[in-house]
PDB file of all heavy atoms in Angstrom:
ATOM      1  N   ASP A   1     -10.457   4.780  -0.569  1.00  0.00           N
ATOM      2  CA  ASP A   1      -9.398   4.151   0.216  1.00  0.00           C
ATOM      3  C   ASP A   1      -8.974   5.009   1.412  1.00  0.00           C
ATOM      4  O   ASP A   1      -7.794   5.051   1.770  1.00  0.00           O
ATOM      5  CB  ASP A   1      -8.185   3.841  -0.657  1.00  0.00           C
ATOM      6  CG  ASP A   1      -7.732   5.044  -1.476  1.00  0.00           C
ATOM      7  OD1 ASP A   1      -8.125   6.174  -1.148  1.00  0.00           O
ATOM      8  OD2 ASP A   1      -6.967   4.856  -2.444  1.00  0.00           O
ATOM      9  N   VAL A   2      -9.941   5.684   2.027  1.00  0.00           N
ATOM     10  CA  VAL A   2      -9.631   6.560   3.160  1.00  0.00           C
ATOM     11  C   VAL A   2      -8.963   5.774   4.288  1.00  0.00           C
ATOM     12  O   VAL A   2      -7.941   6.197   4.859  1.00  0.00           O
ATOM     13  CB  VAL A   2     -10.905   7.257   3.669  1.00  0.00           C
ATOM     14  CG1 VAL A   2     -10.609   8.038   4.946  1.00  0.00           C
ATOM     15  CG2 VAL A   2     -11.468   8.177   2.592  1.00  0.00           C
ATOM     16  N   ALA A   3      -9.508   4.604   4.616  1.00  0.00           N
ATOM     17  CA  ALA A   3      -8.951   3.805   5.715  1.00  0.00           C
ATOM     18  C   ALA A   3      -7.533   3.351   5.412  1.00  0.00           C
ATOM     19  O   ALA A   3      -6.654   3.372   6.292  1.00  0.00           O
ATOM     20  CB  ALA A   3      -9.850   2.589   5.979  1.00  0.00           C
ATOM     21  N   GLN A   4      -7.284   2.961   4.172  1.00  0.00           N
ATOM     22  CA  GLN A   4      -5.946   2.501   3.796  1.00  0.00           C
ATOM     23  C   GLN A   4      -4.934   3.654   3.838  1.00  0.00           C
ATOM     24  O   GLN A   4      -3.793   3.475   4.269  1.00  0.00           O
ATOM     25  CB  GLN A   4      -5.979   1.875   2.394  1.00  0.00           C
ATOM     26  CG  GLN A   4      -6.691   0.539   2.303  1.00  0.00           C
ATOM     27  CD  GLN A   4      -8.209   0.667   2.391  1.00  0.00           C
ATOM     28  OE1 GLN A   4      -8.773   1.717   2.077  1.00  0.00           O
ATOM     29  NE2 GLN A   4      -8.880  -0.380   2.827  1.00  0.00           N
ATOM     30  N   ARG A   5      -5.374   4.829   3.417  1.00  0.00           N
ATOM     31  CA  ARG A   5      -4.458   5.979   3.458  1.00  0.00           C
ATOM     32  C   ARG A   5      -4.146   6.368   4.896  1.00  0.00           C
ATOM     33  O   ARG A   5      -3.008   6.733   5.215  1.00  0.00           O
ATOM     34  CB  ARG A   5      -5.074   7.172   2.711  1.00  0.00           C
ATOM     35  CG  ARG A   5      -5.167   6.975   1.206  1.00  0.00           C
ATOM     36  CD  ARG A   5      -5.269   8.308   0.467  1.00  0.00           C
ATOM     37  NE  ARG A   5      -6.309   9.180   0.985  1.00  0.00           N
ATOM     38  CZ  ARG A   5      -7.587   9.137   0.596  1.00  0.00           C
ATOM     39  NH1 ARG A   5      -7.972   8.243  -0.306  1.00  0.00           N
ATOM     40  NH2 ARG A   5      -8.475   9.982   1.092  1.00  0.00           N
ATOM     41  N   GLU A   6      -5.144   6.289   5.767  1.00  0.00           N
ATOM     42  CA  GLU A   6      -4.908   6.654   7.162  1.00  0.00           C
ATOM     43  C   GLU A   6      -3.910   5.705   7.825  1.00  0.00           C
ATOM     44  O   GLU A   6      -3.082   6.128   8.633  1.00  0.00           O
ATOM     45  CB  GLU A   6      -6.231   6.639   7.932  1.00  0.00           C
ATOM     46  CG  GLU A   6      -7.159   7.799   7.574  1.00  0.00           C
ATOM     47  CD  GLU A   6      -8.475   7.736   8.328  1.00  0.00           C
ATOM     48  OE1 GLU A   6      -8.737   6.691   8.974  1.00  0.00           O
ATOM     49  OE2 GLU A   6      -9.241   8.723   8.263  1.00  0.00           O
ATOM     50  N   GLU A   7      -3.970   4.424   7.467  1.00  0.00           N
ATOM     51  CA  GLU A   7      -3.099   3.445   8.121  1.00  0.00           C
ATOM     52  C   GLU A   7      -1.724   3.351   7.474  1.00  0.00           C
ATOM     53  O   GLU A   7      -0.710   3.214   8.176  1.00  0.00           O
ATOM     54  CB  GLU A   7      -3.761   2.065   8.116  1.00  0.00           C
ATOM     55  CG  GLU A   7      -2.934   1.006   8.833  1.00  0.00           C
ATOM     56  CD  GLU A   7      -3.659  -0.324   8.968  1.00  0.00           C
ATOM     57  OE1 GLU A   7      -4.837  -0.403   8.563  1.00  0.00           O
ATOM     58  OE2 GLU A   7      -3.054  -1.274   9.499  1.00  0.00           O
ATOM     59  N   PHE A   8      -1.682   3.437   6.128  1.00  0.00           N
ATOM     60  CA  PHE A   8      -0.425   3.176   5.425  1.00  0.00           C
ATOM     61  C   PHE A   8       0.155   4.400   4.717  1.00  0.00           C
ATOM     62  O   PHE A   8       1.273   4.342   4.220  1.00  0.00           O
ATOM     63  CB  PHE A   8      -0.628   2.056   4.404  1.00  0.00           C
ATOM     64  CG  PHE A   8      -1.030   0.744   5.016  1.00  0.00           C
ATOM     65  CD1 PHE A   8      -2.359   0.374   5.097  1.00  0.00           C
ATOM     66  CD2 PHE A   8      -0.072  -0.120   5.536  1.00  0.00           C
ATOM     67  CE1 PHE A   8      -2.741  -0.835   5.669  1.00  0.00           C
ATOM     68  CE2 PHE A   8      -0.434  -1.330   6.108  1.00  0.00           C
ATOM     69  CZ  PHE A   8      -1.778  -1.687   6.178  1.00  0.00           C
ATOM     70  N   GLY A   9      -0.607   5.472   4.635  1.00  0.00           N
ATOM     71  CA  GLY A   9      -0.144   6.667   3.935  1.00  0.00           C
ATOM     72  C   GLY A   9      -0.700   6.773   2.541  1.00  0.00           C
ATOM     73  O   GLY A   9      -1.083   7.855   2.096  1.00  0.00           O
ATOM     74  N   SER A  10      -0.737   5.664   1.827  1.00  0.00           N
ATOM     75  CA  SER A  10      -1.304   5.608   0.476  1.00  0.00           C
ATOM     76  C   SER A  10      -1.451   4.157   0.077  1.00  0.00           C
ATOM     77  O   SER A  10      -0.837   3.262   0.695  1.00  0.00           O
ATOM     78  CB  SER A  10      -0.418   6.341  -0.542  1.00  0.00           C
ATOM     79  OG  SER A  10       0.774   5.603  -0.791  1.00  0.00           O
ATOM     80  N   VAL A  11      -2.237   3.903  -0.938  1.00  0.00           N
ATOM     81  CA  VAL A  11      -2.370   2.528  -1.427  1.00  0.00           C
ATOM     82  C   VAL A  11      -1.058   2.010  -2.004  1.00  0.00           C
ATOM     83  O   VAL A  11      -0.669   0.871  -1.733  1.00  0.00           O
ATOM     84  CB  VAL A  11      -3.527   2.419  -2.441  1.00  0.00           C
ATOM     85  CG1 VAL A  11      -3.487   1.069  -3.161  1.00  0.00           C
ATOM     86  CG2 VAL A  11      -4.864   2.572  -1.731  1.00  0.00           C
ATOM     87  N   PRO A  12      -0.316   2.795  -2.812  1.00  0.00           N
ATOM     88  CA  PRO A  12       0.994   2.287  -3.256  1.00  0.00           C
ATOM     89  C   PRO A  12       1.902   1.916  -2.080  1.00  0.00           C
ATOM     90  O   PRO A  12       2.622   0.907  -2.143  1.00  0.00           O
ATOM     91  CB  PRO A  12       1.558   3.457  -4.065  1.00  0.00           C
ATOM     92  CG  PRO A  12       0.348   4.113  -4.639  1.00  0.00           C
ATOM     93  CD  PRO A  12      -0.663   4.043  -3.530  1.00  0.00           C
ATOM     94  N   ALA A  13       1.879   2.710  -1.015  1.00  0.00           N
ATOM     95  CA  ALA A  13       2.694   2.381   0.155  1.00  0.00           C
ATOM     96  C   ALA A  13       2.233   1.069   0.780  1.00  0.00           C
ATOM     97  O   ALA A  13       3.054   0.248   1.231  1.00  0.00           O
ATOM     98  CB  ALA A  13       2.634   3.511   1.176  1.00  0.00           C
ATOM     99  N   LEU A  14       0.915   0.840   0.815  1.00  0.00           N
ATOM    100  CA  LEU A  14       0.384  -0.426   1.319  1.00  0.00           C
ATOM    101  C   LEU A  14       0.843  -1.591   0.445  1.00  0.00           C
ATOM    102  O   LEU A  14       1.291  -2.631   0.949  1.00  0.00           O
ATOM    103  CB  LEU A  14      -1.144  -0.354   1.357  1.00  0.00           C
ATOM    104  CG  LEU A  14      -1.921  -1.683   1.468  1.00  0.00           C
ATOM    105  CD1 LEU A  14      -1.543  -2.441   2.726  1.00  0.00           C
ATOM    106  CD2 LEU A  14      -3.423  -1.422   1.422  1.00  0.00           C
ATOM    107  N   LEU A  15       0.740  -1.433  -0.864  1.00  0.00           N
ATOM    108  CA  LEU A  15       1.148  -2.500  -1.772  1.00  0.00           C
ATOM    109  C   LEU A  15       2.630  -2.823  -1.625  1.00  0.00           C
ATOM    110  O   LEU A  15       3.037  -3.984  -1.719  1.00  0.00           O
ATOM    111  CB  LEU A  15       0.833  -2.103  -3.221  1.00  0.00           C
ATOM    112  CG  LEU A  15      -0.638  -1.824  -3.540  1.00  0.00           C
ATOM    113  CD1 LEU A  15      -0.803  -1.465  -5.003  1.00  0.00           C
ATOM    114  CD2 LEU A  15      -1.532  -3.003  -3.168  1.00  0.00           C
ATOM    115  N   GLU A  16       3.428  -1.793  -1.393  1.00  0.00           N
ATOM    116  CA  GLU A  16       4.854  -2.024  -1.162  1.00  0.00           C
ATOM    117  C   GLU A  16       5.076  -2.772   0.144  1.00  0.00           C
ATOM    118  O   GLU A  16       5.885  -3.713   0.210  1.00  0.00           O
ATOM    119  CB  GLU A  16       5.585  -0.666  -1.134  1.00  0.00           C
ATOM    120  CG  GLU A  16       7.043  -0.730  -0.727  1.00  0.00           C
ATOM    121  CD  GLU A  16       7.970  -1.272  -1.806  1.00  0.00           C
ATOM    122  OE1 GLU A  16       7.483  -1.877  -2.789  1.00  0.00           O
ATOM    123  OE2 GLU A  16       9.188  -1.107  -1.660  1.00  0.00           O
ATOM    124  N   LYS A  17       4.368  -2.383   1.186  1.00  0.00           N
ATOM    125  CA  LYS A  17       4.555  -2.999   2.507  1.00  0.00           C
ATOM    126  C   LYS A  17       4.219  -4.490   2.490  1.00  0.00           C
ATOM    127  O   LYS A  17       4.915  -5.300   3.130  1.00  0.00           O
ATOM    128  CB  LYS A  17       3.693  -2.282   3.543  1.00  0.00           C
ATOM    129  CG  LYS A  17       3.874  -2.792   4.969  1.00  0.00           C
ATOM    130  CD  LYS A  17       3.055  -1.977   5.951  1.00  0.00           C
ATOM    131  CE  LYS A  17       3.210  -2.513   7.381  1.00  0.00           C
ATOM    132  NZ  LYS A  17       4.617  -2.446   7.850  1.00  0.00           N
ATOM    133  N   VAL A  18       3.172  -4.870   1.760  1.00  0.00           N
ATOM    134  CA  VAL A  18       2.776  -6.289   1.741  1.00  0.00           C
ATOM    135  C   VAL A  18       3.513  -7.088   0.674  1.00  0.00           C
ATOM    136  O   VAL A  18       3.262  -8.279   0.507  1.00  0.00           O
ATOM    137  CB  VAL A  18       1.248  -6.440   1.544  1.00  0.00           C
ATOM    138  CG1 VAL A  18       0.497  -5.755   2.658  1.00  0.00           C
ATOM    139  CG2 VAL A  18       0.804  -5.908   0.174  1.00  0.00           C
ATOM    140  N   GLY A  19       4.414  -6.438  -0.055  1.00  0.00           N
ATOM    141  CA  GLY A  19       5.234  -7.160  -1.020  1.00  0.00           C
ATOM    142  C   GLY A  19       4.607  -7.374  -2.374  1.00  0.00           C
ATOM    143  O   GLY A  19       5.107  -8.152  -3.178  1.00  0.00           O
ATOM    144  N   LEU A  20       3.535  -6.673  -2.678  1.00  0.00           N
ATOM    145  CA  LEU A  20       2.871  -6.901  -3.957  1.00  0.00           C
ATOM    146  C   LEU A  20       3.606  -6.244  -5.124  1.00  0.00           C
ATOM    147  O   LEU A  20       3.435  -6.633  -6.273  1.00  0.00           O
ATOM    148  CB  LEU A  20       1.425  -6.400  -3.903  1.00  0.00           C
ATOM    149  CG  LEU A  20       0.545  -6.814  -5.080  1.00  0.00           C
ATOM    150  CD1 LEU A  20      -0.804  -7.312  -4.611  1.00  0.00           C
ATOM    151  CD2 LEU A  20       0.325  -5.633  -6.031  1.00  0.00           C
ATOM    152  N   LEU A  21       4.449  -5.256  -4.849  1.00  0.00           N
ATOM    153  CA  LEU A  21       5.130  -4.546  -5.935  1.00  0.00           C
ATOM    154  C   LEU A  21       6.445  -5.205  -6.351  1.00  0.00           C
ATOM    155  O   LEU A  21       7.215  -4.621  -7.096  1.00  0.00           O
ATOM    156  CB  LEU A  21       5.407  -3.091  -5.515  1.00  0.00           C
ATOM    157  CG  LEU A  21       4.187  -2.241  -5.185  1.00  0.00           C
ATOM    158  CD1 LEU A  21       4.600  -0.786  -4.958  1.00  0.00           C
ATOM    159  CD2 LEU A  21       3.136  -2.312  -6.278  1.00  0.00           C
ATOM    160  N   GLY A  22       6.685  -6.410  -5.909  1.00  0.00           N
ATOM    161  CA  GLY A  22       7.960  -7.046  -6.222  1.00  0.00           C
ATOM    162  C   GLY A  22       8.049  -7.703  -7.581  1.00  0.00           C
ATOM    163  O   GLY A  22       9.109  -8.198  -7.953  1.00  0.00           O
ATOM    164  N   GLY A  23       6.966  -7.724  -8.363  1.00  0.00           N
ATOM    165  CA  GLY A  23       7.003  -8.393  -9.655  1.00  0.00           C
ATOM    166  C   GLY A  23       6.406  -7.540 -10.751  1.00  0.00           C
ATOM    167  O   GLY A  23       6.558  -6.318 -10.756  1.00  0.00           O
ATOM    168  N   ARG A  24       5.694  -8.173 -11.687  1.00  0.00           N
ATOM    169  CA  ARG A  24       5.033  -7.461 -12.781  1.00  0.00           C
ATOM    170  C   ARG A  24       3.699  -6.924 -12.275  1.00  0.00           C
ATOM    171  O   ARG A  24       2.820  -7.693 -11.898  1.00  0.00           O
ATOM    172  CB  ARG A  24       4.784  -8.405 -13.963  1.00  0.00           C
ATOM    173  CG  ARG A  24       6.033  -9.047 -14.550  1.00  0.00           C
ATOM    174  CD  ARG A  24       5.668 -10.175 -15.514  1.00  0.00           C
ATOM    175  NE  ARG A  24       4.814  -9.717 -16.607  1.00  0.00           N
ATOM    176  CZ  ARG A  24       3.940 -10.483 -17.242  1.00  0.00           C
ATOM    177  NH1 ARG A  24       3.764 -11.744 -16.877  1.00  0.00           N
ATOM    178  NH2 ARG A  24       3.219  -9.987 -18.235  1.00  0.00           N
TER     179      ARG A  24
END
């Protein structure tokens, strides 16, 4: 996930940004 880390900082940060962490 090198590209995702470069753009968003980390995959968890990406998941938070797109709203995926709002549920189960």
